[in-house]
Amino acid sequence: ISGFEIVGVVLASMPLLTSALDHYAEGVDVMKNTRNYAMLCNISTSLDTSVGIYKDSCYLLLGPLNLPDQQMKDLLLEPKREAWKSPQLQSDLVMRLGSSLTQYMSLINNLYKRILLFFGKKLKLNDDLKACTTTTTMDGTIDEKARNKFFKNNWLKTNGDFDTDKFAAIKMDIDRNIEEISKLTASAVQLEPLRVEKKNRFQAEYWDKLRYHAQRLWNHYIGFLEDQQWTYDVYSDPGYGMPDSNSGMISLEEAISVSTGINDMDNCRYALTLASTVLLLYNTLWLPQTWSAKDIFLPRPRHGNLVVSHFYVSQTFGSTTTTAAAIVEPRSIFRNETVFALGVALLELSYGQPLLSFQTPEDLNEQGMEDSTTEMSIAMRLLNEMSEFVSENYLRVVRRCVHCTFGMSFCDFEYPEFRKKFFEGVVVPLKEEYDASRK
């Protein structure tokens, strides 16, 4: 027997045990043993009291559950073992007992053992907790001759009557057991409102925190842009563009400057992400034709480590100059400024510094000023030195972007042929580099 089913078994057994004691008391009376008769009568009466206390403790446990009358009858008035097997009932009782559950079940098990294993065994009751001397006639009444014969047999004479003192000792153990169960039940019931209140408070705090974090996701959500093929979620960064901002986003240029270093795998991942971004956002307001690392954003690095999973682009809407600002006359020195900008970004990732930080007087014009050739001059010099610390495959990609050499006379993303060449000559090799760095 397991679970609360044992509670019902004990409830059902107690009246039978009382009946058996009464039967033996009558039998002892046959033996003219006044002392044992009186003691068995006292044990029987005392057991009735214990039964009442035990039932009261069960009612205290069941009462607030507002169970149907028939179910209460099957549980308490006419206890049925099966009635205590209900999963819902057992779940409710576990909630009511709370942390006292283990101790309660231990006490119930001890009570069960004393009643069925000790008391029943010592009284020589049968499996139904009925006195083994109960022999009934055809009309259901007790066969007095059979009972008298049992109590006057040689076994009783040899063993010296019933040891009622031992029965009384076991009965005292049962009384203590029931008293402990009653006190524990009362204590658990008193504490239940506090447990429920605490649980409800924790649940309320949990849902408040969940709601807070859910809301945080949309604190800077503006809306979405949708066309026939794509939907773009738009978020604002309130700190962007403000002096000494504590914004969580910084430009890739700034991140490269403050980073303590980028390992090979992350460098390959960032390079692949930038190349894919160019292929997706070319000639759009999201990525200007003359873009740079200043136009790519990422979460602010922590502890100087540049470790991110996504890059972002930012755009300001509502300005009448937005579209005009995005359209800049291309510089003739570059076959495709968008691809050249990617080459510069890959150089900056590899060297860990902005391109212009490598500027020398030889990179300036005759007036000592920067011009359209300055960036190309620096990039050419860095390319020649780059072979010492990057793979040949990666170097070819950077050189291809800087010089825009794709084996075609035109380098315009509007042509599918060029997009295919860019994918095969830039994105695929960078993907191979990234896969190799992960091994």
Protein backbone atom coordinates (compact mmCIF):
# COMPACT_ATOMS: atom_id res chain seq x y z
CA ILE A 1 0.00 0.00 0.00
CA SER A 2 1.36 3.43 -0.91
CA GLY A 3 0.30 7.05 -0.83
CA PHE A 4 -2.80 8.30 0.93
CA GLU A 5 -4.54 5.01 0.26
CA ILE A 6 -3.12 3.81 3.59
CA VAL A 7 -5.13 6.53 5.39
CA GLY A 8 -8.33 4.91 4.20
CA VAL A 9 -7.10 1.44 5.17
CA VAL A 10 -6.42 2.60 8.74
CA LEU A 11 -9.82 4.30 8.94
CA ALA A 12 -11.57 1.15 7.78
CA SER A 13 -9.58 -1.12 10.10
CA MET A 14 -10.23 0.67 13.38
CA PRO A 15 -13.94 -0.17 13.77
CA LEU A 16 -13.16 -3.79 12.91
CA LEU A 17 -10.43 -3.82 15.52
CA THR A 18 -12.83 -2.43 18.13
CA SER A 19 -15.35 -5.10 17.24
CA ALA A 20 -12.69 -7.80 17.59
CA LEU A 21 -11.71 -6.50 21.03
CA ASP A 22 -15.35 -6.59 22.14
CA HIS A 23 -15.60 -10.17 20.93
CA TYR A 24 -12.50 -11.22 22.85
CA ALA A 25 -13.73 -9.40 25.94
CA GLU A 26 -16.86 -11.51 25.84
CA GLY A 27 -14.72 -14.59 25.41
CA VAL A 28 -12.52 -13.68 28.36
CA ASP A 29 -15.69 -13.23 30.38
CA VAL A 30 -16.43 -16.86 29.58
CA MET A 31 -13.09 -17.74 31.18
CA LYS A 32 -14.18 -15.88 34.35
CA ASN A 33 -11.05 -13.67 34.14
CA THR A 34 -12.39 -10.42 35.56
CA ARG A 35 -9.10 -8.51 35.33
CA ASN A 36 -8.50 -9.26 31.66
CA TYR A 37 -12.13 -8.63 30.85
CA ALA A 38 -12.04 -5.17 32.41
CA MET A 39 -8.77 -4.33 30.70
CA LEU A 40 -10.00 -5.41 27.26
CA CYS A 41 -13.16 -3.36 27.76
CA ASN A 42 -11.03 -0.32 28.66
CA ILE A 43 -8.79 -0.87 25.62
CA SER A 44 -11.86 -1.11 23.39
CA THR A 45 -13.38 2.08 24.81
CA SER A 46 -10.09 3.94 24.56
CA LEU A 47 -9.67 2.77 20.97
CA ASP A 48 -13.10 4.20 20.14
CA THR A 49 -11.86 7.56 21.41
CA SER A 50 -8.70 7.30 19.31
CA VAL A 51 -10.80 6.45 16.28
CA GLY A 52 -12.77 9.66 16.83
CA ILE A 53 -9.60 11.75 17.14
CA TYR A 54 -8.15 10.17 14.01
CA LYS A 55 -11.36 10.78 12.04
CA ASP A 56 -11.41 14.40 13.23
CA SER A 57 -7.85 14.90 11.95
CA CYS A 58 -8.88 13.42 8.60
CA TYR A 59 -11.92 15.69 8.43
CA LEU A 60 -9.71 18.69 9.27
CA LEU A 61 -7.57 17.72 6.28
CA LEU A 62 -10.48 17.08 3.91
CA GLY A 63 -13.04 19.69 5.02
CA PRO A 64 -11.73 22.77 3.14
CA LEU A 65 -11.58 20.78 -0.12
CA ASN A 66 -15.40 21.05 -0.44
CA LEU A 67 -15.78 17.47 -1.65
CA PRO A 68 -19.18 16.04 -2.66
CA ASP A 69 -21.20 14.38 0.11
CA GLN A 70 -20.89 10.92 -1.41
CA GLN A 71 -17.13 11.24 -1.69
CA MET A 72 -16.87 12.36 1.95
CA LYS A 73 -18.97 9.36 2.93
CA ASP A 74 -16.65 7.02 1.04
CA LEU A 75 -13.63 8.66 2.63
CA LEU A 76 -14.73 9.00 6.28
CA LEU A 77 -18.13 7.59 7.25
CA GLU A 78 -17.90 4.32 5.38
CA PRO A 79 -14.19 4.30 4.43
CA LYS A 80 -13.35 2.68 1.14
CA ARG A 81 -9.78 2.05 0.17
CA GLU A 82 -10.44 2.95 -3.47
CA ALA A 83 -11.82 6.39 -2.53
CA TRP A 84 -8.40 7.46 -1.30
CA LYS A 85 -6.75 6.51 -4.60
CA SER A 86 -8.14 9.55 -6.47
CA PRO A 87 -5.19 11.37 -8.13
CA GLN A 88 -6.90 14.75 -7.70
CA LEU A 89 -7.52 14.08 -4.01
CA GLN A 90 -3.94 13.02 -3.43
CA SER A 91 -2.68 16.12 -5.24
CA ASP A 92 -4.87 18.36 -3.08
CA LEU A 93 -3.70 16.68 0.12
CA VAL A 94 -0.06 17.10 -0.87
CA MET A 95 -0.71 20.82 -1.29
CA ARG A 96 -2.45 21.07 2.10
CA LEU A 97 0.27 19.24 4.02
CA GLY A 98 3.11 21.09 2.33
CA SER A 99 6.50 20.41 3.95
CA SER A 100 4.79 18.22 6.59
CA LEU A 101 3.92 15.58 3.98
CA THR A 102 6.89 13.26 4.61
CA GLN A 103 6.44 13.30 8.38
CA TYR A 104 2.69 12.78 8.04
CA MET A 105 3.10 9.73 5.80
CA SER A 106 5.72 8.31 8.18
CA LEU A 107 3.30 8.58 11.12
CA ILE A 108 0.48 7.01 9.09
CA ASN A 109 2.71 4.10 8.12
CA ASN A 110 3.70 3.54 11.75
CA LEU A 111 0.05 3.56 12.77
CA TYR A 112 -0.78 1.08 10.03
CA LYS A 113 1.95 -1.30 11.20
CA ARG A 114 0.87 -1.15 14.85
CA ILE A 115 -2.78 -1.78 14.04
CA LEU A 116 -2.48 -4.46 11.38
CA LEU A 117 0.85 -6.12 12.07
CA PHE A 118 1.11 -5.97 15.85
CA PHE A 119 -2.34 -5.58 17.32
CA GLY A 120 -4.04 -7.81 14.75
CA LYS A 121 -1.33 -10.44 15.01
CA LYS A 122 -1.32 -10.54 18.82
CA LEU A 123 -5.11 -10.80 18.92
CA LYS A 124 -4.86 -13.56 16.33
CA LEU A 125 -7.28 -11.79 13.96
CA ASN A 126 -7.82 -13.07 10.46
CA ASP A 127 -7.11 -11.10 7.26
CA ASP A 128 -10.43 -9.26 7.61
CA LEU A 129 -9.52 -8.14 11.16
CA LYS A 130 -12.20 -10.39 12.56
CA ALA A 131 -11.69 -12.58 15.63
CA CYS A 132 -10.73 -16.06 14.61
CA THR A 133 -13.20 -17.43 17.22
CA THR A 134 -16.16 -15.94 15.39
CA THR A 135 -18.13 -18.91 14.20
CA THR A 136 -21.56 -17.97 12.92
CA THR A 137 -24.70 -20.02 12.63
CA MET A 138 -26.94 -20.16 9.57
CA ASP A 139 -28.84 -17.05 10.70
CA GLY A 140 -25.61 -15.02 11.18
CA THR A 141 -25.50 -15.08 14.99
CA ILE A 142 -22.39 -16.06 16.96
CA ASP A 143 -22.05 -19.74 17.73
CA GLU A 144 -21.69 -19.59 21.50
CA LYS A 145 -20.55 -23.22 21.77
CA ALA A 146 -17.69 -22.68 19.32
CA ARG A 147 -16.55 -19.57 21.15
CA ASN A 148 -16.67 -21.23 24.56
CA LYS A 149 -14.74 -24.16 23.19
CA PHE A 150 -11.99 -21.82 21.89
CA PHE A 151 -11.52 -19.97 25.16
CA LYS A 152 -11.45 -23.20 27.20
CA ASN A 153 -9.01 -25.09 24.98
CA ASN A 154 -5.64 -26.42 26.08
CA TRP A 155 -3.68 -23.74 24.17
CA LEU A 156 -5.03 -20.99 26.43
CA LYS A 157 -4.38 -23.01 29.53
CA THR A 158 -0.81 -23.69 28.44
CA ASN A 159 -0.07 -20.05 27.50
CA GLY A 160 -1.73 -18.47 30.52
CA ASP A 161 -4.61 -16.45 29.13
CA PHE A 162 -4.40 -13.35 26.90
CA ASP A 163 -1.53 -11.00 27.73
CA THR A 164 -3.70 -7.91 28.06
CA ASP A 165 -0.79 -5.89 29.42
CA LYS A 166 0.97 -6.16 26.06
CA PHE A 167 -2.23 -5.14 24.29
CA ALA A 168 -2.49 -2.12 26.57
CA ALA A 169 1.12 -1.13 25.78
CA ILE A 170 0.51 -1.38 22.03
CA LYS A 171 -2.70 0.61 22.47
CA MET A 172 -0.71 3.38 24.21
CA ASP A 173 1.65 3.46 21.23
CA ILE A 174 -1.36 3.79 18.91
CA ASP A 175 -2.74 6.64 21.06
CA ARG A 176 0.57 8.51 20.88
CA ASN A 177 0.74 7.91 17.16
CA ILE A 178 -2.75 9.30 16.60
CA GLU A 179 -2.03 12.28 18.85
CA GLU A 180 1.08 13.12 16.79
CA ILE A 181 -0.93 12.80 13.57
CA SER A 182 -3.63 15.07 14.97
CA LYS A 183 -1.13 17.74 16.07
CA LEU A 184 0.80 17.59 12.79
CA THR A 185 -2.41 17.86 10.75
CA ALA A 186 -3.60 20.87 12.78
CA SER A 187 -0.23 22.56 12.41
CA ALA A 188 -0.07 21.91 8.65
CA VAL A 189 -3.61 23.26 8.18
CA GLN A 190 -2.77 26.41 10.15
CA LEU A 191 0.31 27.03 8.07
CA GLU A 192 -1.42 26.39 4.75
CA PRO A 193 -2.68 30.00 4.28
CA LEU A 194 0.88 31.26 4.80
CA ARG A 195 2.23 28.77 2.26
CA VAL A 196 -0.46 29.71 -0.24
CA GLU A 197 0.20 33.41 0.29
CA LYS A 198 3.92 32.93 -0.17
CA LYS A 199 3.39 30.84 -3.28
CA ASN A 200 0.99 33.40 -4.75
CA ARG A 201 3.44 36.19 -3.99
CA PHE A 202 6.27 34.33 -5.71
CA GLN A 203 4.03 33.62 -8.70
CA ALA A 204 3.00 37.28 -8.89
CA GLU A 205 6.65 38.36 -8.77
CA TYR A 206 7.51 35.79 -11.44
CA TRP A 207 4.83 37.05 -13.82
CA ASP A 208 5.79 40.67 -13.10
CA LYS A 209 9.38 39.90 -14.03
CA LEU A 210 8.28 37.98 -17.10
CA ARG A 211 6.09 40.89 -18.20
CA TYR A 212 8.93 43.34 -17.56
CA HIS A 213 11.36 41.37 -19.72
CA ALA A 214 8.72 40.92 -22.41
CA GLN A 215 8.10 44.66 -22.46
CA ARG A 216 11.81 45.39 -22.64
CA LEU A 217 11.92 43.66 -26.00
CA TRP A 218 9.61 46.32 -27.38
CA ASN A 219 10.85 49.41 -25.52
CA HIS A 220 12.63 50.65 -28.64
CA TYR A 221 10.49 48.89 -31.22
CA ILE A 222 9.14 51.36 -33.76
CA GLY A 223 7.32 49.06 -36.12
CA PHE A 224 8.05 47.17 -39.29
CA LEU A 225 8.59 47.89 -42.93
CA GLU A 226 7.01 45.47 -45.34
CA ASP A 227 7.13 44.90 -49.04
CA GLN A 228 6.08 41.97 -51.17
CA GLN A 229 8.95 39.72 -50.16
CA TRP A 230 10.36 40.94 -46.84
CA THR A 231 9.36 42.31 -43.45
CA TYR A 232 11.84 44.49 -41.57
CA ASP A 233 11.55 45.11 -37.83
CA VAL A 234 12.69 48.61 -36.93
CA TYR A 235 14.19 49.54 -33.56
CA SER A 236 15.45 52.89 -32.34
CA ASP A 237 18.65 53.45 -30.40
CA PRO A 238 17.88 56.50 -28.21
CA GLY A 239 21.51 57.01 -27.29
CA TYR A 240 22.88 57.05 -30.84
CA GLY A 241 24.46 60.34 -31.80
CA MET A 242 24.43 61.77 -28.26
CA PRO A 243 27.71 62.91 -26.66
CA ASP A 244 28.99 60.60 -23.89
CA SER A 245 26.09 58.30 -24.56
CA ASN A 246 25.61 55.15 -22.52
CA SER A 247 23.93 53.54 -25.50
CA GLY A 248 24.27 49.81 -25.83
CA MET A 249 25.28 50.18 -29.51
CA ILE A 250 28.56 51.40 -30.94
CA SER A 251 29.93 51.53 -34.47
CA LEU A 252 32.18 48.77 -35.77
CA GLU A 253 34.96 51.33 -36.20
CA GLU A 254 34.80 52.24 -32.51
CA ALA A 255 34.51 48.61 -31.48
CA ILE A 256 37.66 47.70 -33.44
CA SER A 257 39.51 50.56 -31.74
CA VAL A 258 38.55 49.59 -28.17
CA SER A 259 38.75 45.82 -28.64
CA THR A 260 41.64 43.98 -27.01
CA GLY A 261 41.83 41.61 -29.94
CA ILE A 262 39.78 39.35 -32.19
CA ASN A 263 40.55 35.66 -32.55
CA ASP A 264 40.69 34.00 -35.97
CA MET A 265 37.27 32.36 -35.75
CA ASP A 266 35.47 35.59 -34.79
CA ASN A 267 37.40 37.54 -37.40
CA CYS A 268 36.25 35.10 -40.10
CA ARG A 269 32.68 35.21 -38.81
CA TYR A 270 32.58 39.01 -38.84
CA ALA A 271 34.11 39.11 -42.33
CA LEU A 272 31.52 36.65 -43.62
CA THR A 273 28.69 38.65 -42.00
CA LEU A 274 29.87 41.90 -43.58
CA ALA A 275 30.18 40.30 -47.03
CA SER A 276 26.67 38.84 -46.74
CA THR A 277 25.35 42.22 -45.62
CA VAL A 278 26.79 43.91 -48.68
CA LEU A 279 25.14 41.34 -50.94
CA LEU A 280 21.78 41.84 -49.21
CA LEU A 281 21.70 45.61 -48.69
CA TYR A 282 23.64 47.04 -51.64
CA ASN A 283 22.15 50.19 -53.20
CA THR A 284 19.63 50.67 -50.37
CA LEU A 285 19.20 53.42 -47.81
CA TRP A 286 20.32 50.93 -45.18
CA LEU A 287 23.84 50.72 -46.65
CA PRO A 288 25.22 53.82 -48.37
CA GLN A 289 27.30 53.30 -51.46
CA THR A 290 30.30 54.84 -49.70
CA TRP A 291 29.76 52.95 -46.45
CA SER A 292 32.41 52.28 -43.84
CA ALA A 293 32.79 50.66 -40.45
CA LYS A 294 31.11 53.76 -39.02
CA ASP A 295 27.81 52.63 -40.58
CA ILE A 296 27.82 49.16 -39.01
CA PHE A 297 26.70 48.84 -35.39
CA LEU A 298 26.96 46.18 -32.73
CA PRO A 299 26.38 45.82 -28.98
CA ARG A 300 29.02 47.55 -26.91
CA PRO A 301 31.83 45.08 -26.10
CA ARG A 302 32.22 44.04 -22.47
CA HIS A 303 35.65 43.94 -20.88
CA GLY A 304 37.19 44.85 -24.22
CA ASN A 305 36.16 41.62 -25.92
CA LEU A 306 34.54 42.03 -29.33
CA VAL A 307 32.18 39.04 -29.27
CA VAL A 308 28.87 39.59 -31.07
CA SER A 309 26.36 37.45 -32.90
CA HIS A 310 24.80 40.14 -35.12
CA PHE A 311 25.71 43.37 -36.82
CA TYR A 312 23.18 46.16 -37.30
CA VAL A 313 22.68 49.10 -39.62
CA SER A 314 21.03 52.33 -38.56
CA GLN A 315 19.06 54.86 -40.53
CA THR A 316 17.32 58.10 -39.65
CA PHE A 317 13.89 58.63 -41.21
CA GLY A 318 11.77 61.72 -41.58
CA SER A 319 14.50 63.97 -42.94
CA THR A 320 14.02 65.48 -46.37
CA THR A 321 17.76 65.14 -46.95
CA THR A 322 17.92 61.41 -46.21
CA THR A 323 17.55 60.25 -49.79
CA ALA A 324 19.78 62.94 -51.16
CA ALA A 325 22.49 62.20 -48.61
CA ALA A 326 22.50 58.56 -49.59
CA ILE A 327 23.22 59.39 -53.23
CA VAL A 328 26.87 60.38 -53.58
CA GLU A 329 28.77 60.68 -56.80
CA PRO A 330 31.15 57.69 -57.05
CA ARG A 331 34.87 58.36 -57.13
CA SER A 332 36.35 57.33 -60.46
CA ILE A 333 39.35 55.66 -58.87
CA PHE A 334 37.13 52.86 -57.52
CA ARG A 335 35.33 50.43 -59.81
CA ASN A 336 32.77 49.78 -57.08
CA GLU A 337 32.96 51.81 -53.87
CA THR A 338 30.67 49.44 -51.96
CA VAL A 339 32.99 46.50 -52.62
CA PHE A 340 36.08 48.63 -51.89
CA ALA A 341 34.52 49.62 -48.54
CA LEU A 342 34.17 45.91 -47.75
CA GLY A 343 37.84 45.39 -48.52
CA VAL A 344 38.74 48.25 -46.16
CA ALA A 345 36.53 46.77 -43.41
CA LEU A 346 38.23 43.38 -43.81
CA LEU A 347 41.64 45.06 -43.52
CA GLU A 348 40.53 46.88 -40.37
CA LEU A 349 39.25 43.65 -38.82
CA SER A 350 42.53 41.89 -39.55
CA TYR A 351 44.76 44.71 -38.30
CA GLY A 352 42.47 45.68 -35.40
CA GLN A 353 42.68 49.39 -36.22
CA PRO A 354 40.91 51.90 -38.53
CA LEU A 355 42.49 52.23 -41.94
CA LEU A 356 43.39 55.90 -41.56
CA SER A 357 45.37 55.16 -38.40
CA PHE A 358 48.06 53.69 -40.72
CA GLN A 359 48.32 56.91 -42.70
CA THR A 360 51.80 58.14 -43.60
CA PRO A 361 52.93 61.32 -45.41
CA GLU A 362 53.32 59.26 -48.60
CA ASP A 363 49.56 58.65 -48.58
CA LEU A 364 48.73 62.38 -48.83
CA ASN A 365 48.65 64.63 -51.87
CA GLU A 366 51.16 67.33 -52.73
CA GLN A 367 49.45 69.73 -50.34
CA GLY A 368 49.75 67.23 -47.49
CA MET A 369 46.00 66.62 -47.49
CA GLU A 370 43.88 63.52 -47.87
CA ASP A 371 42.29 62.98 -51.24
CA SER A 372 40.49 60.24 -53.17
CA THR A 373 43.69 58.18 -53.45
CA THR A 374 44.64 58.21 -49.75
CA GLU A 375 42.57 55.19 -48.72
CA MET A 376 43.71 53.19 -51.76
CA SER A 377 47.35 53.97 -51.02
CA ILE A 378 47.04 52.76 -47.42
CA ALA A 379 45.08 49.67 -48.46
CA MET A 380 47.72 48.72 -51.07
CA ARG A 381 50.51 48.94 -48.51
CA LEU A 382 48.61 46.93 -45.90
CA LEU A 383 47.78 44.27 -48.48
CA ASN A 384 51.46 43.71 -49.17
CA GLU A 385 52.18 43.25 -45.45
CA MET A 386 49.08 41.17 -44.76
CA SER A 387 50.41 37.92 -46.21
CA GLU A 388 52.48 37.39 -43.07
CA PHE A 389 49.53 36.68 -40.76
CA VAL A 390 46.49 35.67 -42.86
CA SER A 391 45.78 32.72 -45.11
CA GLU A 392 46.23 32.92 -48.85
CA ASN A 393 42.51 32.37 -49.34
CA TYR A 394 41.57 35.29 -47.08
CA LEU A 395 44.23 37.51 -48.68
CA ARG A 396 42.80 36.82 -52.15
CA VAL A 397 39.34 37.88 -50.97
CA VAL A 398 40.61 41.16 -49.53
CA ARG A 399 42.70 41.88 -52.64
CA ARG A 400 39.70 41.09 -54.85
CA CYS A 401 37.55 43.59 -52.92
CA VAL A 402 40.15 46.36 -52.83
CA HIS A 403 40.90 46.12 -56.56
CA CYS A 404 37.40 44.89 -57.51
CA THR A 405 38.83 42.23 -59.78
CA PHE A 406 36.13 39.71 -60.62
CA GLY A 407 37.07 38.97 -64.23
CA MET A 408 34.34 41.23 -65.59
CA SER A 409 34.36 44.52 -67.43
CA PHE A 410 31.57 45.86 -65.21
CA CYS A 411 31.21 45.71 -61.43
CA ASP A 412 27.62 46.66 -60.65
CA PHE A 413 25.36 44.75 -58.27
CA GLU A 414 22.38 45.50 -60.46
CA TYR A 415 23.63 42.80 -62.82
CA PRO A 416 22.94 39.20 -61.77
CA GLU A 417 26.23 38.08 -63.30
CA PHE A 418 28.22 40.34 -60.99
CA ARG A 419 26.23 39.28 -57.92
CA LYS A 420 27.04 35.67 -58.81
CA LYS A 421 30.75 36.49 -59.19
CA PHE A 422 30.75 38.37 -55.87
CA PHE A 423 29.10 35.45 -54.10
CA GLU A 424 31.54 32.93 -55.54
CA GLY A 425 34.63 35.10 -55.14
CA VAL A 426 33.93 36.67 -51.71
CA VAL A 427 31.13 35.05 -49.72
CA VAL A 428 32.02 31.42 -50.48
CA PRO A 429 35.77 31.74 -49.66
CA LEU A 430 34.98 33.58 -46.42
CA LYS A 431 32.52 30.82 -45.50
CA GLU A 432 35.29 28.29 -46.12
CA GLU A 433 37.64 30.29 -43.89
CA TYR A 434 35.03 30.43 -41.14
CA ASP A 435 34.36 26.69 -41.32
CA ALA A 436 38.09 25.95 -41.19
CA SER A 437 38.57 28.23 -38.16
CA ARG A 438 35.95 26.30 -36.20
CA LYS A 439 37.78 22.97 -36.48
